[in-house]
Amino acid sequence: MPRMNTPSFSALNPDAVLDALDSIGMRGDGRLLTLNSYENRVYQVGIEDAAPIVAKFYRAARWSDAAILEEHAYIASLAEREIPVVPAVVVNGQTLHQHNGFRFALFRKQGGRAPELDRPDTLQWMGRFIARIHAVGALESYRHRPTLDVATFGVEASDYLLAHNFIPAELIEVYRGVVVHALDGVRRCFERAGDVGTLRLHGDCHAGNVLWTDSGPHFVDFDDSRMGPAIQDLWMLLSGDRAEQTRQFADLLIGYEDFYEFNPRELHLLEALRTLRLIHYSAWIARRWEDAAFPVAFPWFNTQHYWQDRILELREQIALMDEPPLPC
């Protein structure tokens, strides 16, 4: 089980960060830049007589040590095959370290810009590398990380929201009815898809987790990596109306099928997975509400307007899940 008796992020001040790195022989030079991350805490740290390093401090009680090390091993296996990812740095024979109750890992700094997903050649390039990630991901299964399914992303998430007083009282029953209807729609999508396989995914493969350089994409932040259907790493790159998404997916698939076969039955899952993500996202904020960073970053979360929008969003998804899948 994940470790429970660890200090909160409020104790992770600059001295604590530098002391942690110093404990494994990485001497900081005093330069410390906080990078954008809510789930964990991530810093760019200047190192004496060396290039800056990125230090990632893991949230307590989210992943077990074994689950984190599985992720590290998967990324390392991708890097060994010259797939553009950023593996954890091995220091003293280890990738996961501990100091004063905090678990952390180090990564080399990777520059880049956001990918231009309106370009067909960019989407084809992305498709090729995602397929290579999946080809390796299919070689074995995670043992310590969960599978993306209706239970973990939908039922557990909605149950948490309904049980913890985040939804205004006058909207609770409305939300309950809509989310039950939405999850029924998700189950029907999975039934229509039939027996589709699962593999090790990036898990959160949106444009913000891709750094583009002149040599192509670099995939970062595998923190949400888990087992699931391949389309989970493709649908978040789509945007716009149905016609636009159809064109975008066709471009992704041109590159993808150079390296891995896509099962077209998974297209039945596209809107179902989007629905699960919407429910899971609200529950993620709710579960982190005691972290002081979250009320500051999401002040609109527990307002009536927010939940009215979520109800409308789920109603739209219910309708979309009954439409035919994108053509392949």
Protein backbone atom coordinates (compact mmCIF):
# COMPACT_ATOMS: atom_id res chain seq x y z
CA MET A 1 0.00 0.00 0.00
CA PRO A 2 1.12 3.62 -0.51
CA ARG A 3 2.90 5.17 2.44
CA MET A 4 0.49 7.15 4.65
CA ASN A 5 2.79 8.69 7.29
CA THR A 6 4.51 11.28 5.14
CA PRO A 7 4.58 15.05 5.62
CA SER A 8 2.32 17.31 3.58
CA PHE A 9 3.61 19.41 0.72
CA SER A 10 3.42 22.46 3.01
CA ALA A 11 6.66 21.18 4.58
CA LEU A 12 8.39 21.01 1.21
CA ASN A 13 10.15 24.37 1.33
CA PRO A 14 13.29 25.22 -0.68
CA ASP A 15 15.60 24.00 2.08
CA ALA A 16 13.76 20.65 2.19
CA VAL A 17 14.11 20.26 -1.59
CA LEU A 18 17.83 21.05 -1.54
CA ASP A 19 18.42 18.81 1.50
CA ALA A 20 16.69 15.92 -0.31
CA LEU A 21 18.94 16.28 -3.33
CA ASP A 22 22.00 16.70 -1.16
CA SER A 23 21.15 13.40 0.57
CA ILE A 24 21.86 11.54 -2.68
CA GLY A 25 24.94 13.55 -3.60
CA MET A 26 23.28 16.13 -5.86
CA ARG A 27 24.56 19.45 -4.58
CA GLY A 28 22.22 22.32 -5.46
CA ASP A 29 23.61 25.76 -6.26
CA GLY A 30 20.65 27.63 -4.79
CA ARG A 31 18.68 28.14 -8.02
CA LEU A 32 15.18 26.71 -7.60
CA LEU A 33 12.22 27.15 -9.95
CA THR A 34 8.78 25.72 -9.17
CA LEU A 35 7.28 24.07 -12.26
CA ASN A 36 3.59 23.69 -13.01
CA SER A 37 2.18 20.61 -11.27
CA TYR A 38 -0.75 20.06 -8.91
CA GLU A 39 -0.69 16.32 -8.35
CA ASN A 40 2.97 16.26 -7.32
CA ARG A 41 5.51 19.00 -6.67
CA VAL A 42 8.10 19.53 -9.39
CA TYR A 43 11.14 21.82 -9.32
CA GLN A 44 13.93 22.76 -11.66
CA VAL A 45 17.05 22.78 -9.49
CA GLY A 46 20.43 24.22 -10.37
CA ILE A 47 23.26 21.76 -9.67
CA GLU A 48 26.85 22.75 -8.92
CA ASP A 49 29.13 22.14 -11.92
CA ALA A 50 26.34 20.37 -13.86
CA ALA A 51 23.22 21.01 -15.89
CA PRO A 52 19.99 21.81 -14.00
CA ILE A 53 17.88 18.83 -13.00
CA VAL A 54 14.12 18.39 -12.59
CA ALA A 55 13.12 16.98 -9.20
CA LYS A 56 9.68 15.42 -8.81
CA PHE A 57 8.33 14.90 -5.28
CA TYR A 58 5.47 12.40 -5.23
CA ARG A 59 2.16 12.97 -3.49
CA ALA A 60 1.79 10.75 -0.45
CA ALA A 61 -0.66 7.83 -0.55
CA ARG A 62 -1.29 7.98 -4.30
CA TRP A 63 1.06 5.33 -5.70
CA SER A 64 2.95 2.60 -3.91
CA ASP A 65 6.71 2.41 -4.36
CA ALA A 66 6.17 -0.62 -6.59
CA ALA A 67 3.76 1.32 -8.83
CA ILE A 68 6.19 4.21 -9.21
CA LEU A 69 9.05 1.86 -10.02
CA GLU A 70 6.89 0.09 -12.64
CA GLU A 71 6.38 3.43 -14.34
CA HIS A 72 10.10 4.19 -14.20
CA ALA A 73 10.92 0.79 -15.70
CA TYR A 74 8.40 1.26 -18.53
CA ILE A 75 9.80 4.68 -19.46
CA ALA A 76 13.35 3.32 -19.31
CA SER A 77 12.39 0.51 -21.70
CA LEU A 78 10.96 3.11 -24.10
CA ALA A 79 14.12 5.22 -23.91
CA GLU A 80 16.26 2.13 -24.61
CA ARG A 81 14.37 1.79 -27.90
CA GLU A 82 15.11 5.44 -28.75
CA ILE A 83 11.51 6.54 -28.21
CA PRO A 84 11.56 10.22 -27.16
CA VAL A 85 10.63 10.08 -23.46
CA VAL A 86 12.38 11.38 -20.34
CA PRO A 87 13.34 8.51 -18.02
CA ALA A 88 14.13 8.91 -14.33
CA VAL A 89 17.82 9.43 -13.67
CA VAL A 90 19.61 6.56 -11.95
CA VAL A 91 21.50 7.82 -8.88
CA ASN A 92 23.32 5.36 -6.61
CA GLY A 93 21.67 2.52 -8.51
CA GLN A 94 18.13 3.77 -7.87
CA THR A 95 15.49 5.94 -9.54
CA LEU A 96 13.21 6.41 -6.51
CA HIS A 97 14.64 8.12 -3.44
CA GLN A 98 13.39 9.08 0.02
CA HIS A 99 14.32 11.83 2.43
CA ASN A 100 12.50 12.93 5.58
CA GLY A 101 9.35 11.15 4.48
CA PHE A 102 9.27 12.52 0.92
CA ARG A 103 9.68 10.25 -2.10
CA PHE A 104 11.28 11.83 -5.14
CA ALA A 105 12.87 11.15 -8.51
CA LEU A 106 15.12 13.16 -10.80
CA PHE A 107 14.77 13.80 -14.53
CA ARG A 108 16.91 15.64 -17.04
CA LYS A 109 15.53 18.97 -18.22
CA GLN A 110 13.74 18.71 -21.56
CA GLY A 111 12.90 21.81 -23.55
CA GLY A 112 10.29 22.16 -26.26
CA ARG A 113 7.12 23.89 -27.36
CA ALA A 114 3.51 22.86 -27.74
CA PRO A 115 2.80 20.67 -30.80
CA GLU A 116 0.81 22.26 -33.64
CA LEU A 117 -2.04 19.76 -33.72
CA ASP A 118 -3.77 21.57 -36.58
CA ARG A 119 -1.04 20.27 -38.92
CA PRO A 120 -1.60 16.84 -40.54
CA ASP A 121 2.14 16.09 -40.57
CA THR A 122 2.37 16.79 -36.83
CA LEU A 123 -0.51 14.41 -36.13
CA GLN A 124 1.06 11.70 -38.28
CA TRP A 125 4.36 12.15 -36.45
CA MET A 126 2.56 11.93 -33.11
CA GLY A 127 0.72 8.83 -34.26
CA ARG A 128 3.97 7.06 -35.16
CA PHE A 129 5.52 7.65 -31.75
CA ILE A 130 2.37 6.80 -29.79
CA ALA A 131 2.23 3.53 -31.72
CA ARG A 132 5.84 2.78 -30.77
CA ILE A 133 4.98 3.51 -27.12
CA HIS A 134 2.04 1.11 -27.39
CA ALA A 135 4.07 -1.60 -29.11
CA VAL A 136 6.34 -1.66 -26.06
CA GLY A 137 3.42 -1.23 -23.68
CA ALA A 138 1.77 -4.35 -25.06
CA LEU A 139 4.79 -6.55 -24.29
CA GLU A 140 3.80 -6.98 -20.65
CA SER A 141 1.20 -5.77 -18.16
CA TYR A 142 1.38 -3.59 -15.09
CA ARG A 143 1.08 -5.51 -11.85
CA HIS A 144 0.82 -2.61 -9.40
CA ARG A 145 -1.12 -0.02 -11.40
CA PRO A 146 -4.87 -0.09 -12.08
CA THR A 147 -6.84 -0.40 -15.30
CA LEU A 148 -8.83 2.49 -16.69
CA ASP A 149 -12.41 1.23 -16.55
CA VAL A 150 -15.95 2.22 -15.58
CA ALA A 151 -15.44 1.24 -11.95
CA THR A 152 -12.24 3.18 -11.25
CA PHE A 153 -12.86 6.30 -13.35
CA GLY A 154 -16.65 6.46 -13.18
CA VAL A 155 -18.39 4.70 -10.31
CA GLU A 156 -15.77 5.34 -7.61
CA ALA A 157 -15.33 8.95 -8.73
CA SER A 158 -19.04 9.81 -8.80
CA ASP A 159 -19.67 8.03 -5.49
CA TYR A 160 -16.97 10.16 -3.88
CA LEU A 161 -18.48 13.39 -5.21
CA LEU A 162 -21.97 12.49 -4.02
CA ALA A 163 -20.76 11.47 -0.56
CA HIS A 164 -18.59 14.46 0.34
CA ASN A 165 -20.82 17.55 0.06
CA PHE A 166 -19.10 19.24 -2.86
CA ILE A 167 -22.27 19.45 -4.96
CA PRO A 168 -24.84 22.09 -3.86
CA ALA A 169 -27.76 20.46 -2.08
CA GLU A 170 -30.30 21.58 -4.68
CA LEU A 171 -28.27 19.90 -7.45
CA ILE A 172 -27.32 16.62 -5.79
CA GLU A 173 -30.26 14.57 -7.04
CA VAL A 174 -30.03 16.11 -10.50
CA TYR A 175 -26.33 15.24 -10.69
CA ARG A 176 -26.97 11.76 -9.32
CA GLY A 177 -29.58 11.05 -12.00
CA VAL A 178 -27.44 12.43 -14.81
CA VAL A 179 -24.26 10.60 -13.75
CA VAL A 180 -26.14 7.28 -13.45
CA HIS A 181 -27.53 7.82 -16.95
CA ALA A 182 -24.06 8.76 -18.25
CA LEU A 183 -22.41 5.68 -16.75
CA ASP A 184 -25.11 3.49 -18.29
CA GLY A 185 -24.14 5.05 -21.63
CA VAL A 186 -20.48 4.31 -20.97
CA ARG A 187 -21.28 0.66 -20.27
CA ARG A 188 -23.25 0.40 -23.52
CA CYS A 189 -20.26 1.81 -25.42
CA PHE A 190 -17.99 -0.83 -23.88
CA GLU A 191 -20.55 -3.50 -24.79
CA ARG A 192 -20.64 -2.31 -28.41
CA ALA A 193 -16.84 -2.28 -28.54
CA GLY A 194 -16.72 -5.88 -27.38
CA ASP A 195 -13.53 -7.59 -26.31
CA VAL A 196 -10.87 -4.92 -26.86
CA GLY A 197 -7.40 -5.37 -25.46
CA THR A 198 -5.59 -3.27 -22.89
CA LEU A 199 -1.94 -2.26 -22.70
CA ARG A 200 0.35 0.01 -20.73
CA LEU A 201 -0.58 3.58 -21.65
CA HIS A 202 0.86 7.02 -21.25
CA GLY A 203 -2.54 7.65 -19.67
CA ASP A 204 -2.67 11.44 -19.94
CA CYS A 205 -1.55 12.04 -23.51
CA HIS A 206 -2.76 15.56 -24.18
CA ALA A 207 -0.85 18.38 -25.87
CA GLY A 208 0.40 19.74 -22.52
CA ASN A 209 2.38 16.54 -21.96
CA VAL A 210 4.14 16.70 -25.32
CA LEU A 211 7.15 18.94 -25.89
CA TRP A 212 7.86 19.56 -29.56
CA THR A 213 11.35 20.15 -30.92
CA ASP A 214 12.85 20.25 -34.40
CA SER A 215 13.38 16.49 -34.08
CA GLY A 216 9.74 15.84 -33.20
CA PRO A 217 7.75 15.14 -30.04
CA HIS A 218 9.01 14.30 -26.57
CA PHE A 219 6.47 12.65 -24.27
CA VAL A 220 6.66 13.65 -20.60
CA ASP A 221 4.78 13.00 -17.35
CA PHE A 222 3.77 9.33 -17.33
CA ASP A 223 2.45 9.78 -13.77
CA ASP A 224 -1.06 8.64 -14.84
CA SER A 225 0.24 5.62 -16.74
CA ARG A 226 -1.98 2.57 -16.31
CA MET A 227 -3.55 -0.26 -18.26
CA GLY A 228 -6.26 0.65 -20.75
CA PRO A 229 -7.40 0.63 -24.40
CA ALA A 230 -5.04 2.19 -26.93
CA ILE A 231 -7.51 4.90 -27.95
CA GLN A 232 -7.11 6.54 -24.54
CA ASP A 233 -3.76 7.92 -25.73
CA LEU A 234 -5.25 9.18 -29.00
CA TRP A 235 -8.61 10.81 -28.32
CA MET A 236 -7.25 13.68 -26.17
CA LEU A 237 -5.38 14.97 -29.22
CA LEU A 238 -8.68 15.55 -31.06
CA SER A 239 -10.68 18.78 -31.01
CA GLY A 240 -13.45 20.58 -32.83
CA ASP A 241 -16.62 19.19 -34.39
CA ARG A 242 -17.18 15.67 -35.67
CA ALA A 243 -15.83 16.44 -39.15
CA GLU A 244 -12.65 17.99 -37.72
CA GLN A 245 -12.10 15.09 -35.32
CA THR A 246 -12.59 12.62 -38.16
CA ARG A 247 -9.84 14.32 -40.19
CA GLN A 248 -7.53 14.55 -37.19
CA PHE A 249 -7.99 10.92 -36.27
CA ALA A 250 -7.34 9.85 -39.86
CA ASP A 251 -4.01 11.71 -39.77
CA LEU A 252 -3.07 10.16 -36.42
CA LEU A 253 -3.91 6.72 -37.75
CA ILE A 254 -1.76 7.14 -40.88
CA GLY A 255 1.28 7.40 -38.61
CA TYR A 256 0.05 5.03 -35.91
CA GLU A 257 -0.47 2.05 -38.18
CA ASP A 258 3.10 2.27 -39.45
CA PHE A 259 4.13 0.70 -36.13
CA TYR A 260 1.08 -0.79 -34.41
CA GLU A 261 -2.31 -2.09 -35.48
CA PHE A 262 -5.33 -0.11 -34.29
CA ASN A 263 -8.51 -2.02 -33.48
CA PRO A 264 -11.35 0.05 -35.05
CA ARG A 265 -13.80 -1.32 -32.46
CA GLU A 266 -12.11 0.96 -29.95
CA LEU A 267 -13.74 3.95 -31.67
CA HIS A 268 -16.92 2.97 -29.79
CA LEU A 269 -15.02 3.97 -26.62
CA LEU A 270 -14.01 7.49 -27.63
CA GLU A 271 -16.94 9.40 -26.11
CA ALA A 272 -17.20 6.89 -23.26
CA LEU A 273 -13.60 7.60 -22.24
CA ARG A 274 -14.21 11.34 -22.55
CA THR A 275 -17.22 10.97 -20.23
CA LEU A 276 -15.19 9.01 -17.67
CA ARG A 277 -12.46 11.65 -17.74
CA LEU A 278 -14.96 14.43 -17.06
CA ILE A 279 -16.35 12.63 -14.02
CA HIS A 280 -12.89 11.62 -12.80
CA TYR A 281 -11.54 15.17 -13.15
CA SER A 282 -14.14 16.61 -10.78
CA ALA A 283 -13.47 13.83 -8.29
CA TRP A 284 -9.72 14.45 -8.56
CA ILE A 285 -10.17 18.09 -7.50
CA ALA A 286 -12.49 17.03 -4.68
CA ARG A 287 -10.04 14.44 -3.36
CA ARG A 288 -7.25 17.04 -3.30
CA TRP A 289 -9.30 19.85 -1.73
CA GLU A 290 -7.40 19.72 1.56
CA ASP A 291 -4.22 20.57 -0.35
CA ALA A 292 -4.02 24.36 0.04
CA ALA A 293 -2.99 24.73 -3.62
CA PHE A 294 -6.34 23.45 -4.90
CA PRO A 295 -8.82 26.01 -3.49
CA VAL A 296 -6.50 28.72 -4.81
CA ALA A 297 -6.20 27.16 -8.27
CA PHE A 298 -9.86 26.08 -8.58
CA PRO A 299 -11.91 28.69 -6.66
CA TRP A 300 -14.95 28.02 -8.85
CA PHE A 301 -15.03 24.29 -8.05
CA ASN A 302 -17.70 24.14 -5.35
CA THR A 303 -19.97 26.80 -6.86
CA GLN A 304 -23.44 26.23 -8.23
CA HIS A 305 -22.40 27.47 -11.68
CA TYR A 306 -19.61 24.87 -11.89
CA TRP A 307 -21.95 21.98 -11.13
CA GLN A 308 -24.67 23.25 -13.47
CA ASP A 309 -22.05 23.24 -16.23
CA ARG A 310 -20.98 19.68 -15.31
CA ILE A 311 -24.58 18.49 -15.47
CA LEU A 312 -25.03 20.07 -18.90
CA GLU A 313 -21.70 18.59 -20.03
CA LEU A 314 -22.74 15.08 -19.02
CA ARG A 315 -26.11 15.46 -20.76
CA GLU A 316 -24.26 16.37 -23.95
CA GLN A 317 -22.04 13.33 -23.52
CA ILE A 318 -25.07 11.07 -23.07
CA ALA A 319 -26.30 12.21 -26.48
CA LEU A 320 -22.86 11.84 -28.09
CA MET A 321 -22.43 8.29 -26.80
CA ASP A 322 -25.57 7.26 -28.69
CA GLU A 323 -24.19 8.55 -32.00
CA PRO A 324 -22.28 6.28 -34.40
CA PRO A 325 -18.51 6.20 -33.79
CA LEU A 326 -16.07 8.15 -35.93
CA PRO A 327 -15.35 6.39 -39.24
CA CYS A 328 -12.04 4.58 -39.52
